[in-house]
C-alpha cells in the first residue's frame, strides 16, 4: 500500500504558460475594450490579470492574437466568450485581479497581413 499522496490534474486540456496582451469587455457592454494580460491558456479556459473589477458569474468577451511562433499557423485572432469562475486580488497594494475564465465559445480567424515583396505593389496575404 502506498502512503504517498497523489496530485491528479483534473484538467481535460493542456495548459500553456503564455503572457500576451488581451482585450476584454463585459458581455453586451458598450464602450471601449479594457486591456488585460494572459498568465496561462488552455482550450477551455484562461487565467488573466486585469485592473477591470470582475465578479464571479460575469460573462466577458475576450480578444487575443496568437503569433505564428506559438501556433505554427499564420497569426490568428481568437474571439472568446467566457464566464468568470475565479477572482483573486494580485497583492495587498495592487489594483489588479487574477481572473479565471471558463471559455464557453471560441471563434478563431486568420489575420490577413499584406507584405510587399518587390515594390511593385504586389502583396502576399
N, C-alpha and C. Protein backbone atom coordinates (compact mmCIF):
# COMPACT_ATOMS: atom_id res chain seq x y z
N UNK A 1 0.84 -1.18 0.00
CA UNK A 1 0.00 0.00 0.00
C UNK A 1 0.88 1.23 0.00
N UNK A 2 0.56 2.22 -0.82
CA UNK A 2 1.35 3.43 -0.95
C UNK A 2 0.75 4.52 -0.07
N UNK A 3 1.53 5.03 0.86
CA UNK A 3 1.05 6.08 1.75
C UNK A 3 1.31 7.48 1.19
N UNK A 4 1.95 7.58 0.03
CA UNK A 4 2.22 8.88 -0.58
C UNK A 4 0.95 9.49 -1.13
N UNK A 5 0.94 10.79 -1.26
CA UNK A 5 -0.22 11.46 -1.83
C UNK A 5 -0.03 11.60 -3.32
N UNK A 6 -1.11 11.57 -4.05
CA UNK A 6 -1.09 11.73 -5.49
C UNK A 6 -1.86 12.98 -5.84
N UNK A 7 -1.23 13.87 -6.61
CA UNK A 7 -1.89 15.10 -7.04
C UNK A 7 -2.32 14.91 -8.48
N UNK A 8 -3.59 14.70 -8.72
CA UNK A 8 -4.11 14.49 -10.06
C UNK A 8 -4.61 15.81 -10.63
N UNK A 9 -4.21 16.13 -11.84
CA UNK A 9 -4.69 17.31 -12.53
C UNK A 9 -5.96 16.93 -13.28
N UNK A 10 -7.06 17.54 -12.91
CA UNK A 10 -8.35 17.18 -13.48
C UNK A 10 -8.65 17.92 -14.78
N UNK A 11 -7.74 18.74 -15.26
CA UNK A 11 -7.97 19.49 -16.49
C UNK A 11 -8.05 18.53 -17.68
N UNK A 12 -8.94 18.85 -18.61
CA UNK A 12 -9.13 17.99 -19.77
C UNK A 12 -8.27 18.44 -20.96
N UNK A 13 -7.72 19.65 -20.90
CA UNK A 13 -6.87 20.14 -21.97
C UNK A 13 -5.57 20.67 -21.38
N UNK A 14 -4.52 20.66 -22.19
CA UNK A 14 -3.21 21.10 -21.73
C UNK A 14 -3.21 22.61 -21.50
N UNK A 15 -2.56 23.03 -20.43
CA UNK A 15 -2.44 24.44 -20.09
C UNK A 15 -1.07 24.94 -20.53
N UNK A 16 -1.03 26.14 -21.13
CA UNK A 16 0.21 26.73 -21.64
C UNK A 16 0.48 28.04 -20.92
N UNK A 17 1.64 28.16 -20.27
CA UNK A 17 2.04 29.42 -19.66
C UNK A 17 2.40 30.37 -20.79
N UNK A 18 1.65 31.45 -20.89
CA UNK A 18 1.82 32.37 -22.01
C UNK A 18 1.34 33.75 -21.61
N UNK A 19 2.24 34.71 -21.59
CA UNK A 19 1.88 36.09 -21.27
C UNK A 19 1.77 36.88 -22.57
N UNK A 20 0.53 37.20 -22.95
CA UNK A 20 0.28 38.01 -24.13
C UNK A 20 -0.82 39.02 -23.80
N UNK A 21 -0.82 40.16 -24.51
CA UNK A 21 -1.87 41.15 -24.27
C UNK A 21 -3.23 40.64 -24.74
N UNK A 22 -4.26 41.03 -23.99
CA UNK A 22 -5.64 40.67 -24.29
C UNK A 22 -6.49 41.93 -24.29
N UNK A 23 -7.62 41.85 -24.94
CA UNK A 23 -8.62 42.91 -24.85
C UNK A 23 -9.88 42.27 -24.31
N UNK A 24 -10.48 42.93 -23.33
CA UNK A 24 -11.55 42.35 -22.53
C UNK A 24 -12.71 43.31 -22.43
N UNK A 25 -13.93 42.79 -22.49
CA UNK A 25 -15.13 43.61 -22.33
C UNK A 25 -16.21 42.77 -21.66
N UNK A 26 -16.94 43.38 -20.76
CA UNK A 26 -18.09 42.70 -20.16
C UNK A 26 -19.10 42.46 -21.27
N UNK A 27 -19.62 41.24 -21.36
CA UNK A 27 -20.51 40.82 -22.44
C UNK A 27 -21.69 41.77 -22.55
N UNK A 28 -21.89 42.30 -23.75
CA UNK A 28 -23.02 43.18 -24.03
C UNK A 28 -22.80 44.63 -23.65
N UNK A 29 -21.67 44.97 -23.04
CA UNK A 29 -21.41 46.35 -22.62
C UNK A 29 -20.97 47.19 -23.81
N UNK A 30 -21.36 48.42 -23.80
CA UNK A 30 -20.91 49.38 -24.81
C UNK A 30 -19.61 50.00 -24.32
N UNK A 31 -18.89 50.62 -25.22
CA UNK A 31 -17.67 51.31 -24.82
C UNK A 31 -16.43 50.54 -25.19
N UNK A 32 -15.29 51.09 -24.77
CA UNK A 32 -14.00 50.52 -25.18
C UNK A 32 -13.71 49.20 -24.49
N UNK A 33 -12.84 48.43 -25.13
CA UNK A 33 -12.33 47.22 -24.51
C UNK A 33 -11.28 47.61 -23.48
N UNK A 34 -11.07 46.77 -22.48
CA UNK A 34 -10.09 47.00 -21.44
C UNK A 34 -8.90 46.09 -21.69
N UNK A 35 -7.73 46.56 -21.34
CA UNK A 35 -6.51 45.77 -21.51
C UNK A 35 -6.36 44.78 -20.37
N UNK A 36 -5.80 43.63 -20.71
CA UNK A 36 -5.50 42.58 -19.73
C UNK A 36 -4.29 41.82 -20.26
N UNK A 37 -3.78 40.89 -19.47
CA UNK A 37 -2.65 40.06 -19.90
C UNK A 37 -2.91 38.63 -19.46
N UNK A 38 -2.68 37.70 -20.39
CA UNK A 38 -2.85 36.29 -20.03
C UNK A 38 -1.71 35.85 -19.14
N UNK A 39 -2.00 34.88 -18.28
CA UNK A 39 -0.99 34.21 -17.47
C UNK A 39 -0.81 32.81 -18.01
N UNK A 40 -1.93 32.13 -18.26
CA UNK A 40 -1.88 30.86 -18.96
C UNK A 40 -3.19 30.63 -19.69
N UNK A 41 -3.12 29.74 -20.68
CA UNK A 41 -4.26 29.45 -21.57
C UNK A 41 -4.41 27.96 -21.74
N UNK A 42 -5.64 27.54 -21.95
CA UNK A 42 -5.91 26.17 -22.37
C UNK A 42 -7.07 26.23 -23.35
N UNK A 43 -7.44 25.12 -23.90
CA UNK A 43 -8.56 25.08 -24.84
C UNK A 43 -9.90 25.37 -24.18
N UNK A 44 -9.94 25.32 -22.85
CA UNK A 44 -11.21 25.52 -22.14
C UNK A 44 -11.22 26.69 -21.19
N UNK A 45 -10.05 27.36 -21.02
CA UNK A 45 -10.03 28.44 -20.07
C UNK A 45 -8.80 29.32 -20.17
N UNK A 46 -8.86 30.44 -19.46
CA UNK A 46 -7.78 31.42 -19.44
C UNK A 46 -7.64 31.94 -18.02
N UNK A 47 -6.40 32.07 -17.57
CA UNK A 47 -6.11 32.80 -16.35
C UNK A 47 -5.47 34.10 -16.80
N UNK A 48 -6.03 35.24 -16.37
CA UNK A 48 -5.54 36.53 -16.83
C UNK A 48 -5.42 37.50 -15.67
N UNK A 49 -4.71 38.59 -15.94
CA UNK A 49 -4.56 39.66 -14.95
C UNK A 49 -5.14 40.93 -15.55
N UNK A 50 -5.96 41.64 -14.77
CA UNK A 50 -6.63 42.83 -15.26
C UNK A 50 -6.94 43.80 -14.12
N UNK A 51 -7.00 45.10 -14.42
CA UNK A 51 -7.47 46.05 -13.41
C UNK A 51 -9.01 46.15 -13.41
N UNK A 52 -9.67 45.55 -14.39
CA UNK A 52 -11.13 45.62 -14.51
C UNK A 52 -11.77 44.84 -13.37
N UNK A 53 -12.64 45.48 -12.58
CA UNK A 53 -13.29 44.77 -11.47
C UNK A 53 -14.35 43.79 -12.00
N UNK A 54 -14.05 42.52 -11.95
CA UNK A 54 -14.97 41.48 -12.43
C UNK A 54 -15.46 40.65 -11.25
N UNK A 55 -16.64 40.10 -11.39
CA UNK A 55 -17.22 39.27 -10.34
C UNK A 55 -17.47 37.86 -10.87
N UNK A 56 -17.39 36.89 -9.98
CA UNK A 56 -17.69 35.51 -10.35
C UNK A 56 -19.11 35.46 -10.92
N UNK A 57 -19.24 34.76 -12.04
CA UNK A 57 -20.52 34.64 -12.71
C UNK A 57 -20.70 35.61 -13.87
N UNK A 58 -19.86 36.65 -13.94
CA UNK A 58 -19.93 37.60 -15.05
C UNK A 58 -19.54 36.93 -16.35
N UNK A 59 -20.15 37.36 -17.44
CA UNK A 59 -19.79 36.88 -18.76
C UNK A 59 -18.98 37.97 -19.44
N UNK A 60 -17.86 37.59 -20.03
CA UNK A 60 -16.98 38.55 -20.69
C UNK A 60 -16.64 38.10 -22.10
N UNK A 61 -16.30 39.09 -22.92
CA UNK A 61 -15.80 38.84 -24.27
C UNK A 61 -14.31 39.12 -24.24
N UNK A 62 -13.54 38.25 -24.85
CA UNK A 62 -12.09 38.32 -24.81
C UNK A 62 -11.55 38.24 -26.23
N UNK A 63 -10.55 39.07 -26.54
CA UNK A 63 -9.92 39.03 -27.86
C UNK A 63 -8.42 38.96 -27.66
N UNK A 64 -7.78 38.02 -28.38
CA UNK A 64 -6.34 37.88 -28.31
C UNK A 64 -5.80 37.43 -29.66
N UNK A 65 -4.53 37.73 -29.89
CA UNK A 65 -3.85 37.32 -31.12
C UNK A 65 -2.71 36.38 -30.77
N UNK A 66 -2.71 35.23 -31.41
CA UNK A 66 -1.64 34.25 -31.20
C UNK A 66 -0.72 34.27 -32.41
N UNK A 67 0.57 34.56 -32.18
CA UNK A 67 1.51 34.63 -33.31
C UNK A 67 1.85 33.26 -33.86
N UNK A 68 2.38 33.27 -35.07
CA UNK A 68 2.75 32.03 -35.77
C UNK A 68 3.75 31.20 -34.98
N UNK A 69 4.63 31.85 -34.21
CA UNK A 69 5.63 31.13 -33.43
C UNK A 69 4.99 30.19 -32.41
N UNK A 70 3.77 30.49 -32.00
CA UNK A 70 3.09 29.68 -31.00
C UNK A 70 2.22 28.61 -31.64
N UNK A 71 1.47 28.99 -32.68
CA UNK A 71 0.50 28.07 -33.27
C UNK A 71 1.04 27.27 -34.44
N UNK A 72 2.13 27.75 -35.06
CA UNK A 72 2.63 27.10 -36.27
C UNK A 72 1.81 27.46 -37.50
N UNK A 73 0.84 28.32 -37.34
CA UNK A 73 -0.03 28.79 -38.42
C UNK A 73 0.11 30.30 -38.51
N UNK A 74 -0.35 30.92 -39.61
CA UNK A 74 -0.33 32.38 -39.66
C UNK A 74 -1.05 32.96 -38.44
N UNK A 75 -0.67 34.18 -38.06
CA UNK A 75 -1.24 34.82 -36.88
C UNK A 75 -2.75 34.69 -36.87
N UNK A 76 -3.28 34.27 -35.75
CA UNK A 76 -4.72 34.09 -35.61
C UNK A 76 -5.27 34.99 -34.52
N UNK A 77 -6.49 35.44 -34.72
CA UNK A 77 -7.19 36.22 -33.71
C UNK A 77 -8.27 35.34 -33.11
N UNK A 78 -8.27 35.24 -31.80
CA UNK A 78 -9.29 34.48 -31.09
C UNK A 78 -10.27 35.45 -30.48
N UNK A 79 -11.55 35.20 -30.69
CA UNK A 79 -12.63 35.93 -30.01
C UNK A 79 -13.36 34.90 -29.18
N UNK A 80 -13.40 35.13 -27.90
CA UNK A 80 -13.96 34.16 -26.98
C UNK A 80 -15.02 34.80 -26.10
N UNK A 81 -15.95 33.99 -25.66
CA UNK A 81 -16.89 34.40 -24.61
C UNK A 81 -16.67 33.44 -23.47
N UNK A 82 -16.57 33.98 -22.27
CA UNK A 82 -16.32 33.13 -21.13
C UNK A 82 -17.01 33.61 -19.87
N UNK A 83 -17.07 32.72 -18.91
CA UNK A 83 -17.69 33.01 -17.62
C UNK A 83 -16.59 33.10 -16.56
N UNK A 84 -16.64 34.14 -15.74
CA UNK A 84 -15.68 34.30 -14.65
C UNK A 84 -15.96 33.25 -13.58
N UNK A 85 -14.96 32.42 -13.30
CA UNK A 85 -15.13 31.35 -12.30
C UNK A 85 -14.24 31.54 -11.08
N UNK A 86 -13.29 32.48 -11.18
CA UNK A 86 -12.38 32.71 -10.06
C UNK A 86 -11.85 34.14 -10.12
N UNK A 87 -11.79 34.81 -8.96
CA UNK A 87 -11.23 36.16 -8.87
C UNK A 87 -10.39 36.23 -7.61
N UNK A 88 -9.11 36.64 -7.77
CA UNK A 88 -8.19 36.76 -6.64
C UNK A 88 -7.42 38.07 -6.78
N UNK A 89 -7.31 38.83 -5.70
CA UNK A 89 -6.51 40.05 -5.69
C UNK A 89 -5.04 39.69 -5.89
N UNK A 90 -4.33 40.41 -6.77
CA UNK A 90 -2.91 40.09 -7.05
C UNK A 90 -2.01 40.34 -5.85
N UNK A 91 -2.31 41.31 -5.06
CA UNK A 91 -1.50 41.61 -3.88
C UNK A 91 -2.19 42.66 -3.05
N UNK A 92 -1.77 42.84 -1.80
CA UNK A 92 -2.47 43.77 -0.92
C UNK A 92 -2.46 45.21 -1.42
N UNK A 93 -1.42 45.62 -2.15
CA UNK A 93 -1.36 47.00 -2.63
C UNK A 93 -1.65 47.11 -4.13
N UNK A 94 -2.05 46.02 -4.75
CA UNK A 94 -2.29 46.00 -6.19
C UNK A 94 -3.77 46.22 -6.49
N UNK A 95 -4.03 46.96 -7.56
CA UNK A 95 -5.41 47.14 -8.01
C UNK A 95 -5.79 46.08 -9.04
N UNK A 96 -4.84 45.22 -9.41
CA UNK A 96 -5.09 44.19 -10.41
C UNK A 96 -5.67 42.93 -9.78
N UNK A 97 -6.46 42.23 -10.60
CA UNK A 97 -7.05 40.95 -10.19
C UNK A 97 -6.53 39.85 -11.10
N UNK A 98 -6.40 38.66 -10.55
CA UNK A 98 -6.19 37.45 -11.36
C UNK A 98 -7.56 36.82 -11.51
N UNK A 99 -7.95 36.62 -12.76
CA UNK A 99 -9.30 36.17 -13.08
C UNK A 99 -9.22 34.88 -13.88
N UNK A 100 -9.96 33.87 -13.46
CA UNK A 100 -10.08 32.62 -14.19
C UNK A 100 -11.35 32.63 -15.00
N UNK A 101 -11.24 32.35 -16.29
CA UNK A 101 -12.40 32.28 -17.18
C UNK A 101 -12.57 30.87 -17.70
N UNK A 102 -13.79 30.40 -17.71
CA UNK A 102 -14.14 29.16 -18.40
C UNK A 102 -14.69 29.58 -19.76
N UNK A 103 -14.05 29.14 -20.84
CA UNK A 103 -14.48 29.54 -22.18
C UNK A 103 -15.73 28.79 -22.60
N UNK A 104 -16.72 29.55 -23.06
CA UNK A 104 -17.99 28.98 -23.49
C UNK A 104 -18.11 28.95 -25.00
N UNK A 105 -17.47 29.89 -25.68
CA UNK A 105 -17.47 29.89 -27.14
C UNK A 105 -16.15 30.46 -27.63
N UNK A 106 -15.77 30.06 -28.84
CA UNK A 106 -14.49 30.45 -29.39
C UNK A 106 -14.62 30.59 -30.90
N UNK A 107 -14.14 31.70 -31.43
CA UNK A 107 -14.11 31.93 -32.87
C UNK A 107 -12.67 32.29 -33.23
N UNK A 108 -12.06 31.51 -34.10
CA UNK A 108 -10.67 31.73 -34.50
C UNK A 108 -10.65 32.14 -35.96
N UNK A 109 -9.92 33.23 -36.25
CA UNK A 109 -9.79 33.65 -37.64
C UNK A 109 -8.35 34.02 -37.93
N UNK A 110 -7.90 33.74 -39.14
CA UNK A 110 -6.55 34.13 -39.55
C UNK A 110 -6.58 35.60 -39.93
N UNK A 111 -5.59 36.33 -39.49
CA UNK A 111 -5.46 37.73 -39.86
C UNK A 111 -4.76 37.82 -41.19
N UNK A 112 -5.23 38.68 -42.05
CA UNK A 112 -4.59 38.86 -43.34
C UNK A 112 -3.65 40.04 -43.23
N UNK A 113 -2.37 39.76 -43.42
CA UNK A 113 -1.35 40.80 -43.31
C UNK A 113 -0.67 40.92 -44.66
N UNK A 114 -0.75 42.08 -45.26
CA UNK A 114 -0.12 42.30 -46.57
C UNK A 114 1.35 42.62 -46.39
N UNK A 115 2.18 41.98 -47.22
CA UNK A 115 3.62 42.19 -47.19
C UNK A 115 4.06 42.47 -48.61
N UNK A 116 4.69 43.61 -48.85
CA UNK A 116 5.20 43.93 -50.19
C UNK A 116 6.41 43.07 -50.45
N UNK A 117 6.43 42.46 -51.62
CA UNK A 117 7.53 41.56 -51.95
C UNK A 117 8.58 42.18 -52.85
N UNK A 118 8.20 43.19 -53.66
CA UNK A 118 9.17 43.72 -54.61
C UNK A 118 8.98 45.20 -54.94
N UNK A 119 8.14 45.88 -54.24
CA UNK A 119 7.93 47.30 -54.51
C UNK A 119 6.99 47.58 -55.66
N UNK A 120 6.47 46.56 -56.33
CA UNK A 120 5.59 46.76 -57.47
C UNK A 120 4.13 46.90 -57.05
N UNK A 121 3.89 46.76 -55.77
CA UNK A 121 2.52 46.84 -55.29
C UNK A 121 1.91 45.49 -55.07
N UNK A 122 2.55 44.42 -55.57
CA UNK A 122 2.06 43.08 -55.32
C UNK A 122 2.23 42.75 -53.85
N UNK A 123 1.36 41.95 -53.33
CA UNK A 123 1.50 41.60 -51.92
C UNK A 123 1.09 40.16 -51.70
N UNK A 124 1.50 39.64 -50.60
CA UNK A 124 1.09 38.31 -50.15
C UNK A 124 0.13 38.48 -49.00
N UNK A 125 -0.87 37.65 -48.92
CA UNK A 125 -1.80 37.72 -47.80
C UNK A 125 -1.71 36.48 -46.98
